[in-house]
Amino acid sequence: MADHELTKKVQDVALGHGADLVGIVKLADLPEHEERIFKVPTVSRFLEPRRFPSIAMPAFISIDMQDPGKGMKGEICWRRAGVRAGLGSYGENGLLVTGKFGSAIRLAGVLTTADLQLCHPLAEDVCEHCGTCLSACRVAALSGSGGPFL
């Protein structure tokens, strides 16, 4: 059973430290990242003292120019986590699009063993799939696939 009081406190801490949106998703919903999640060395300052092993994940994106990943890819796909946690949906540009901020967002996360109340994917698609983002991109860097980049 999820700890609703702890969930509220975690959300308040994140919002109080500058987050505009907070979503919660289970590791089981991100199986493609499980191995990497347990290798990250940093810890969350809020949850660790409460005896919940945690890992804080930065919002930066590493660049790997080797095949098969070739390109910009972080350890965890926070777009996918954001969609599964109900923060938004995939836009035509392949990015996470939120109802409040569009795709003008910076993603980060905290991984923890704490039994928090989960968020759920949105029932509706936030992106209108109008193609405005594609035509606005001066260097034609957006594919228009409308889904996640892997």
N, C-alpha and C. Protein backbone atom coordinates (compact mmCIF):
# COMPACT_ATOMS: atom_id res chain seq x y z
N MET A 1 0.85 -1.19 0.00
CA MET A 1 0.00 0.00 0.00
C MET A 1 0.89 1.24 0.00
N ALA A 2 0.65 2.12 -0.92
CA ALA A 2 1.46 3.33 -1.06
C ALA A 2 1.28 4.25 0.15
N ASP A 3 2.37 4.88 0.53
CA ASP A 3 2.36 5.83 1.64
C ASP A 3 1.97 7.20 1.09
N HIS A 4 0.70 7.57 1.26
CA HIS A 4 0.19 8.83 0.69
C HIS A 4 0.82 10.05 1.34
N GLU A 5 1.08 9.99 2.65
CA GLU A 5 1.69 11.13 3.34
C GLU A 5 3.12 11.36 2.85
N LEU A 6 3.88 10.28 2.70
CA LEU A 6 5.24 10.39 2.19
C LEU A 6 5.23 10.90 0.74
N THR A 7 4.29 10.40 -0.05
CA THR A 7 4.16 10.85 -1.43
C THR A 7 3.96 12.36 -1.48
N LYS A 8 3.06 12.88 -0.67
CA LYS A 8 2.78 14.31 -0.63
C LYS A 8 4.02 15.10 -0.22
N LYS A 9 4.75 14.60 0.78
CA LYS A 9 5.97 15.28 1.23
C LYS A 9 7.02 15.30 0.13
N VAL A 10 7.19 14.17 -0.58
CA VAL A 10 8.17 14.11 -1.66
C VAL A 10 7.80 15.10 -2.76
N GLN A 11 6.52 15.15 -3.11
CA GLN A 11 6.08 16.10 -4.12
C GLN A 11 6.30 17.54 -3.66
N ASP A 12 6.02 17.83 -2.41
CA ASP A 12 6.22 19.17 -1.88
C ASP A 12 7.69 19.57 -1.88
N VAL A 13 8.58 18.62 -1.54
CA VAL A 13 10.02 18.90 -1.55
C VAL A 13 10.46 19.23 -2.98
N ALA A 14 10.03 18.42 -3.94
CA ALA A 14 10.41 18.67 -5.34
C ALA A 14 9.89 20.02 -5.82
N LEU A 15 8.64 20.30 -5.55
CA LEU A 15 8.05 21.58 -5.97
C LEU A 15 8.70 22.75 -5.25
N GLY A 16 9.02 22.57 -3.98
CA GLY A 16 9.67 23.61 -3.19
C GLY A 16 11.09 23.92 -3.64
N HIS A 17 11.70 22.99 -4.36
CA HIS A 17 13.06 23.19 -4.85
C HIS A 17 13.11 23.47 -6.34
N GLY A 18 12.01 23.95 -6.88
CA GLY A 18 12.03 24.43 -8.26
C GLY A 18 11.35 23.58 -9.31
N ALA A 19 10.91 22.38 -8.96
CA ALA A 19 10.20 21.56 -9.95
C ALA A 19 8.83 22.18 -10.23
N ASP A 20 8.41 22.16 -11.47
CA ASP A 20 7.09 22.68 -11.82
C ASP A 20 6.07 21.56 -11.93
N LEU A 21 6.52 20.35 -12.24
CA LEU A 21 5.66 19.18 -12.36
C LEU A 21 6.33 18.01 -11.66
N VAL A 22 5.55 17.15 -11.02
CA VAL A 22 6.10 15.97 -10.35
C VAL A 22 5.24 14.78 -10.71
N GLY A 23 5.87 13.72 -11.21
CA GLY A 23 5.17 12.48 -11.52
C GLY A 23 5.91 11.32 -10.89
N ILE A 24 5.21 10.23 -10.64
CA ILE A 24 5.81 9.06 -10.00
C ILE A 24 5.49 7.83 -10.83
N VAL A 25 6.53 7.06 -11.15
CA VAL A 25 6.38 5.86 -11.99
C VAL A 25 7.19 4.73 -11.37
N LYS A 26 6.75 3.49 -11.53
CA LYS A 26 7.45 2.32 -11.00
C LYS A 26 8.60 1.92 -11.92
N LEU A 27 9.65 1.39 -11.31
CA LEU A 27 10.78 0.86 -12.06
C LEU A 27 10.32 -0.22 -13.03
N ALA A 28 9.33 -1.00 -12.65
CA ALA A 28 8.81 -2.06 -13.51
C ALA A 28 8.27 -1.50 -14.82
N ASP A 29 7.89 -0.23 -14.84
CA ASP A 29 7.40 0.41 -16.05
C ASP A 29 8.53 0.95 -16.93
N LEU A 30 9.76 0.83 -16.47
CA LEU A 30 10.94 1.27 -17.21
C LEU A 30 11.98 0.14 -17.25
N PRO A 31 11.60 -1.05 -17.66
CA PRO A 31 12.53 -2.19 -17.59
C PRO A 31 13.79 -2.01 -18.42
N GLU A 32 13.72 -1.20 -19.47
CA GLU A 32 14.89 -1.01 -20.32
C GLU A 32 16.01 -0.24 -19.61
N HIS A 33 15.73 0.36 -18.46
CA HIS A 33 16.73 1.14 -17.72
C HIS A 33 17.14 0.50 -16.40
N GLU A 34 16.58 -0.64 -16.05
CA GLU A 34 16.81 -1.23 -14.73
C GLU A 34 18.29 -1.43 -14.41
N GLU A 35 19.05 -1.98 -15.33
CA GLU A 35 20.47 -2.24 -15.06
C GLU A 35 21.23 -0.96 -14.78
N ARG A 36 20.99 0.10 -15.59
CA ARG A 36 21.69 1.36 -15.41
C ARG A 36 21.27 2.08 -14.14
N ILE A 37 20.02 1.93 -13.76
CA ILE A 37 19.51 2.61 -12.57
C ILE A 37 20.30 2.21 -11.34
N PHE A 38 20.64 0.94 -11.23
CA PHE A 38 21.33 0.46 -10.04
C PHE A 38 22.83 0.74 -10.05
N LYS A 39 23.35 1.30 -11.12
CA LYS A 39 24.78 1.63 -11.22
C LYS A 39 25.08 3.09 -10.93
N VAL A 40 24.08 3.94 -10.81
CA VAL A 40 24.29 5.37 -10.63
C VAL A 40 24.72 5.66 -9.18
N PRO A 41 25.82 6.43 -8.96
CA PRO A 41 26.40 6.58 -7.63
C PRO A 41 25.78 7.66 -6.72
N THR A 42 25.01 8.59 -7.21
CA THR A 42 24.53 9.68 -6.35
C THR A 42 23.27 9.26 -5.58
N VAL A 43 22.95 9.99 -4.52
CA VAL A 43 21.78 9.65 -3.68
C VAL A 43 20.93 10.86 -3.41
N SER A 44 19.68 10.61 -3.11
CA SER A 44 18.75 11.69 -2.79
C SER A 44 18.89 12.07 -1.33
N ARG A 45 19.00 13.37 -1.07
CA ARG A 45 19.17 13.85 0.31
C ARG A 45 17.91 13.77 1.15
N PHE A 46 16.78 13.81 0.54
CA PHE A 46 15.53 13.78 1.31
C PHE A 46 15.14 12.37 1.75
N LEU A 47 15.22 11.41 0.86
CA LEU A 47 14.73 10.06 1.15
C LEU A 47 15.74 9.18 1.88
N GLU A 48 17.01 9.36 1.65
CA GLU A 48 18.01 8.52 2.30
C GLU A 48 17.92 8.56 3.83
N PRO A 49 17.81 9.74 4.47
CA PRO A 49 17.72 9.76 5.94
C PRO A 49 16.45 9.06 6.47
N ARG A 50 15.48 8.88 5.60
CA ARG A 50 14.24 8.21 6.00
C ARG A 50 14.31 6.71 5.69
N ARG A 51 15.51 6.23 5.46
CA ARG A 51 15.79 4.80 5.23
C ARG A 51 15.20 4.26 3.94
N PHE A 52 15.14 5.11 2.90
CA PHE A 52 14.72 4.68 1.57
C PHE A 52 15.89 4.89 0.62
N PRO A 53 16.57 3.79 0.25
CA PRO A 53 17.66 3.97 -0.71
C PRO A 53 17.14 4.69 -1.95
N SER A 54 17.87 5.71 -2.39
CA SER A 54 17.43 6.56 -3.49
C SER A 54 18.60 6.99 -4.34
N ILE A 55 18.30 7.31 -5.58
CA ILE A 55 19.31 7.79 -6.51
C ILE A 55 18.76 9.02 -7.20
N ALA A 56 19.48 10.13 -7.13
CA ALA A 56 19.08 11.35 -7.84
C ALA A 56 19.69 11.30 -9.24
N MET A 57 18.88 11.53 -10.24
CA MET A 57 19.34 11.49 -11.63
C MET A 57 19.34 12.90 -12.19
N PRO A 58 20.45 13.37 -12.75
CA PRO A 58 20.52 14.72 -13.30
C PRO A 58 19.74 14.87 -14.60
N ALA A 59 19.51 16.11 -14.98
CA ALA A 59 18.75 16.41 -16.19
C ALA A 59 19.63 16.50 -17.43
N PHE A 60 20.95 16.34 -17.30
CA PHE A 60 21.81 16.47 -18.46
C PHE A 60 21.69 15.25 -19.37
N ILE A 61 22.12 15.43 -20.59
CA ILE A 61 22.10 14.35 -21.58
C ILE A 61 23.55 14.09 -21.99
N SER A 62 23.97 12.86 -21.87
CA SER A 62 25.32 12.53 -22.31
C SER A 62 25.33 12.34 -23.83
N ILE A 63 26.50 12.44 -24.42
CA ILE A 63 26.61 12.25 -25.86
C ILE A 63 27.47 11.01 -26.11
N ASP A 64 26.92 10.07 -26.83
CA ASP A 64 27.61 8.83 -27.16
C ASP A 64 27.61 8.69 -28.68
N MET A 65 28.75 8.85 -29.30
CA MET A 65 28.81 8.82 -30.75
C MET A 65 29.16 7.44 -31.30
N GLN A 66 29.06 6.42 -30.47
CA GLN A 66 29.33 5.05 -30.89
C GLN A 66 28.02 4.36 -31.27
N ASP A 67 28.08 3.48 -32.26
CA ASP A 67 26.91 2.66 -32.60
C ASP A 67 26.66 1.68 -31.47
N PRO A 68 25.47 1.24 -31.17
CA PRO A 68 24.24 1.52 -31.89
C PRO A 68 23.50 2.75 -31.36
N GLY A 69 23.88 3.29 -30.18
CA GLY A 69 23.14 4.41 -29.60
C GLY A 69 23.38 5.73 -30.28
N LYS A 70 24.52 5.93 -30.83
CA LYS A 70 24.98 7.12 -31.53
C LYS A 70 24.09 8.35 -31.39
N GLY A 71 24.55 9.30 -30.62
CA GLY A 71 23.84 10.56 -30.46
C GLY A 71 23.67 10.93 -28.99
N MET A 72 22.74 11.80 -28.73
CA MET A 72 22.50 12.26 -27.37
C MET A 72 21.52 11.31 -26.68
N LYS A 73 21.97 10.72 -25.60
CA LYS A 73 21.12 9.79 -24.87
C LYS A 73 21.59 9.72 -23.43
N GLY A 74 20.71 10.01 -22.50
CA GLY A 74 21.05 9.91 -21.10
C GLY A 74 20.92 8.48 -20.62
N GLU A 75 21.26 8.26 -19.38
CA GLU A 75 21.16 6.92 -18.81
C GLU A 75 19.73 6.42 -18.75
N ILE A 76 18.79 7.32 -18.55
CA ILE A 76 17.38 6.96 -18.46
C ILE A 76 16.59 7.88 -19.38
N CYS A 77 15.64 7.35 -20.09
CA CYS A 77 14.80 8.16 -20.95
C CYS A 77 13.72 8.83 -20.08
N TRP A 78 14.00 10.05 -19.67
CA TRP A 78 13.05 10.76 -18.81
C TRP A 78 11.78 11.15 -19.56
N ARG A 79 11.85 11.26 -20.88
CA ARG A 79 10.62 11.49 -21.66
C ARG A 79 9.66 10.34 -21.44
N ARG A 80 10.18 9.11 -21.58
CA ARG A 80 9.34 7.93 -21.40
C ARG A 80 8.80 7.86 -19.97
N ALA A 81 9.66 8.13 -18.99
CA ALA A 81 9.21 8.13 -17.59
C ALA A 81 8.14 9.19 -17.38
N GLY A 82 8.32 10.37 -17.99
CA GLY A 82 7.34 11.46 -17.86
C GLY A 82 5.99 11.09 -18.45
N VAL A 83 6.00 10.43 -19.61
CA VAL A 83 4.75 10.00 -20.23
C VAL A 83 4.07 8.97 -19.34
N ARG A 84 4.83 8.00 -18.85
CA ARG A 84 4.25 6.94 -18.01
C ARG A 84 3.81 7.45 -16.65
N ALA A 85 4.40 8.57 -16.20
CA ALA A 85 4.00 9.17 -14.93
C ALA A 85 2.91 10.22 -15.09
N GLY A 86 2.40 10.39 -16.30
CA GLY A 86 1.28 11.30 -16.51
C GLY A 86 1.63 12.77 -16.59
N LEU A 87 2.89 13.10 -16.86
CA LEU A 87 3.26 14.52 -16.96
C LEU A 87 2.89 15.11 -18.31
N GLY A 88 2.72 14.28 -19.31
CA GLY A 88 2.38 14.75 -20.65
C GLY A 88 2.32 13.57 -21.61
N SER A 89 2.47 13.86 -22.88
CA SER A 89 2.45 12.82 -23.92
C SER A 89 3.55 13.13 -24.93
N TYR A 90 3.83 12.18 -25.82
CA TYR A 90 4.83 12.42 -26.85
C TYR A 90 4.27 13.39 -27.89
N GLY A 91 5.09 14.38 -28.23
CA GLY A 91 4.70 15.32 -29.26
C GLY A 91 5.11 14.83 -30.63
N GLU A 92 4.68 15.51 -31.65
CA GLU A 92 5.07 15.19 -33.02
C GLU A 92 6.59 15.28 -33.16
N ASN A 93 7.21 16.11 -32.30
CA ASN A 93 8.66 16.29 -32.31
C ASN A 93 9.40 15.18 -31.56
N GLY A 94 8.67 14.22 -30.98
CA GLY A 94 9.29 13.12 -30.24
C GLY A 94 9.63 13.48 -28.81
N LEU A 95 9.37 14.70 -28.39
CA LEU A 95 9.67 15.14 -27.03
C LEU A 95 8.45 14.97 -26.14
N LEU A 96 8.67 15.06 -24.82
CA LEU A 96 7.56 15.07 -23.88
C LEU A 96 6.89 16.44 -23.95
N VAL A 97 5.61 16.46 -24.20
CA VAL A 97 4.85 17.70 -24.27
C VAL A 97 3.88 17.72 -23.09
N THR A 98 3.95 18.79 -22.30
CA THR A 98 3.06 18.92 -21.14
C THR A 98 1.95 19.91 -21.47
N GLY A 99 0.84 19.79 -20.75
CA GLY A 99 -0.26 20.70 -20.97
C GLY A 99 0.08 22.13 -20.59
N LYS A 100 0.90 22.33 -19.58
CA LYS A 100 1.22 23.67 -19.08
C LYS A 100 2.42 24.31 -19.77
N PHE A 101 3.47 23.53 -20.05
CA PHE A 101 4.71 24.10 -20.56
C PHE A 101 5.05 23.68 -21.98
N GLY A 102 4.22 22.89 -22.61
CA GLY A 102 4.56 22.36 -23.93
C GLY A 102 5.78 21.47 -23.82
N SER A 103 6.72 21.60 -24.76
CA SER A 103 7.95 20.80 -24.68
C SER A 103 9.12 21.63 -24.16
N ALA A 104 8.86 22.83 -23.69
CA ALA A 104 9.90 23.70 -23.13
C ALA A 104 10.14 23.33 -21.67
N ILE A 105 10.70 22.14 -21.46
CA ILE A 105 10.90 21.62 -20.10
C ILE A 105 12.29 21.02 -19.97
N ARG A 106 12.72 20.85 -18.75
CA ARG A 106 13.97 20.16 -18.43
C ARG A 106 13.60 19.04 -17.48
N LEU A 107 14.02 17.83 -17.81
CA LEU A 107 13.62 16.66 -17.04
C LEU A 107 14.74 16.14 -16.15
N ALA A 108 14.37 15.68 -14.97
CA ALA A 108 15.28 15.02 -14.04
C ALA A 108 14.43 14.07 -13.22
N GLY A 109 15.05 13.27 -12.40
CA GLY A 109 14.27 12.33 -11.61
C GLY A 109 15.00 11.83 -10.40
N VAL A 110 14.25 11.20 -9.51
CA VAL A 110 14.79 10.55 -8.33
C VAL A 110 14.26 9.13 -8.32
N LEU A 111 15.14 8.16 -8.19
CA LEU A 111 14.75 6.77 -8.12
C LEU A 111 14.83 6.33 -6.68
N THR A 112 13.79 5.66 -6.16
CA THR A 112 13.75 5.31 -4.76
C THR A 112 13.01 4.00 -4.52
N THR A 113 13.27 3.40 -3.38
CA THR A 113 12.53 2.21 -2.98
C THR A 113 11.30 2.58 -2.15
N ALA A 114 11.12 3.87 -1.88
CA ALA A 114 9.96 4.30 -1.09
C ALA A 114 8.66 3.89 -1.78
N ASP A 115 7.68 3.48 -1.00
CA ASP A 115 6.39 3.04 -1.51
C ASP A 115 5.50 4.25 -1.71
N LEU A 116 5.68 4.93 -2.86
CA LEU A 116 4.95 6.15 -3.15
C LEU A 116 3.72 5.85 -4.01
N GLN A 117 2.76 6.74 -3.94
CA GLN A 117 1.56 6.61 -4.75
C GLN A 117 1.92 6.91 -6.21
N LEU A 118 1.58 5.99 -7.11
CA LEU A 118 1.95 6.13 -8.51
C LEU A 118 1.03 7.09 -9.25
N CYS A 119 1.60 7.72 -10.25
CA CYS A 119 0.82 8.52 -11.19
C CYS A 119 0.53 7.63 -12.39
N HIS A 120 -0.39 8.02 -13.22
CA HIS A 120 -0.78 7.20 -14.37
C HIS A 120 -0.67 8.01 -15.65
N PRO A 121 -0.40 7.34 -16.77
CA PRO A 121 -0.34 8.05 -18.05
C PRO A 121 -1.64 8.80 -18.32
N LEU A 122 -1.52 9.91 -19.03
CA LEU A 122 -2.70 10.70 -19.37
C LEU A 122 -3.62 9.92 -20.31
N ALA A 123 -4.90 10.12 -20.18
CA ALA A 123 -5.85 9.46 -21.07
C ALA A 123 -5.89 10.17 -22.43
N GLU A 124 -5.58 11.47 -22.44
CA GLU A 124 -5.62 12.24 -23.69
C GLU A 124 -4.22 12.61 -24.14
N ASP A 125 -4.07 12.83 -25.42
CA ASP A 125 -2.81 13.24 -26.03
C ASP A 125 -2.72 14.76 -25.93
N VAL A 126 -1.66 15.28 -25.32
CA VAL A 126 -1.49 16.72 -25.14
C VAL A 126 -1.12 17.41 -26.45
N CYS A 127 -0.34 16.73 -27.29
CA CYS A 127 0.09 17.30 -28.56
C CYS A 127 -1.06 17.28 -29.57
N GLU A 128 -1.19 18.36 -30.31
CA GLU A 128 -2.22 18.43 -31.35
C GLU A 128 -1.73 17.83 -32.66
N HIS A 129 -0.45 17.47 -32.75
CA HIS A 129 0.16 16.89 -33.94
C HIS A 129 -0.10 17.73 -35.19
N CYS A 130 0.02 19.05 -34.99
CA CYS A 130 -0.23 19.99 -36.08
C CYS A 130 0.99 20.19 -36.97
N GLY A 131 2.18 19.81 -36.48
CA GLY A 131 3.40 19.96 -37.26
C GLY A 131 4.08 21.31 -37.14
N THR A 132 3.55 22.22 -36.32
CA THR A 132 4.16 23.55 -36.16
C THR A 132 5.61 23.44 -35.69
N CYS A 133 5.89 22.54 -34.76
CA CYS A 133 7.26 22.39 -34.26
C CYS A 133 8.20 21.93 -35.36
N LEU A 134 7.71 21.08 -36.25
CA LEU A 134 8.54 20.57 -37.34
C LEU A 134 8.90 21.68 -38.33
N SER A 135 7.91 22.47 -38.69
CA SER A 135 8.17 23.55 -39.65
C SER A 135 8.97 24.70 -39.02
N ALA A 136 8.89 24.85 -37.69
CA ALA A 136 9.63 25.92 -37.01
C ALA A 136 11.10 25.57 -36.82
N CYS A 137 11.46 24.31 -36.94
CA CYS A 137 12.85 23.89 -36.74
C CYS A 137 13.66 24.25 -37.98
N ARG A 138 14.53 25.26 -37.86
CA ARG A 138 15.29 25.80 -39.00
C ARG A 138 16.29 24.81 -39.60
N VAL A 139 16.73 23.84 -38.81
CA VAL A 139 17.72 22.90 -39.33
C VAL A 139 17.12 21.53 -39.63
N ALA A 140 15.81 21.43 -39.59
CA ALA A 140 15.10 20.18 -39.89
C ALA A 140 15.60 19.01 -39.06
N ALA A 141 15.83 19.28 -37.75
CA ALA A 141 16.35 18.24 -36.86
C ALA A 141 15.27 17.33 -36.30
N LEU A 142 14.02 17.71 -36.48
CA LEU A 142 12.92 16.91 -35.92
C LEU A 142 12.37 15.97 -36.97
N SER A 143 12.18 14.72 -36.59
CA SER A 143 11.77 13.71 -37.58
C SER A 143 10.30 13.70 -37.86
N GLY A 144 9.49 14.12 -36.91
CA GLY A 144 8.05 14.07 -37.11
C GLY A 144 7.47 12.68 -36.90
N SER A 145 8.23 11.83 -36.22
CA SER A 145 7.75 10.48 -35.96
C SER A 145 6.67 10.44 -34.89
N GLY A 146 6.63 11.48 -34.05
CA GLY A 146 5.61 11.57 -33.02
C GLY A 146 5.76 10.60 -31.88
N GLY A 147 6.85 9.91 -31.78
CA GLY A 147 7.06 8.94 -30.71
C GLY A 147 8.40 9.13 -30.05
N PRO A 148 8.73 8.23 -29.12
CA PRO A 148 9.99 8.37 -28.40
C PRO A 148 11.18 8.02 -29.26
N PHE A 149 12.29 8.71 -28.99
CA PHE A 149 13.55 8.37 -29.64
C PHE A 149 14.21 7.33 -28.75
N LEU A 150 14.70 6.27 -29.31
CA LEU A 150 15.35 5.23 -28.52
C LEU A 150 16.83 5.21 -28.72
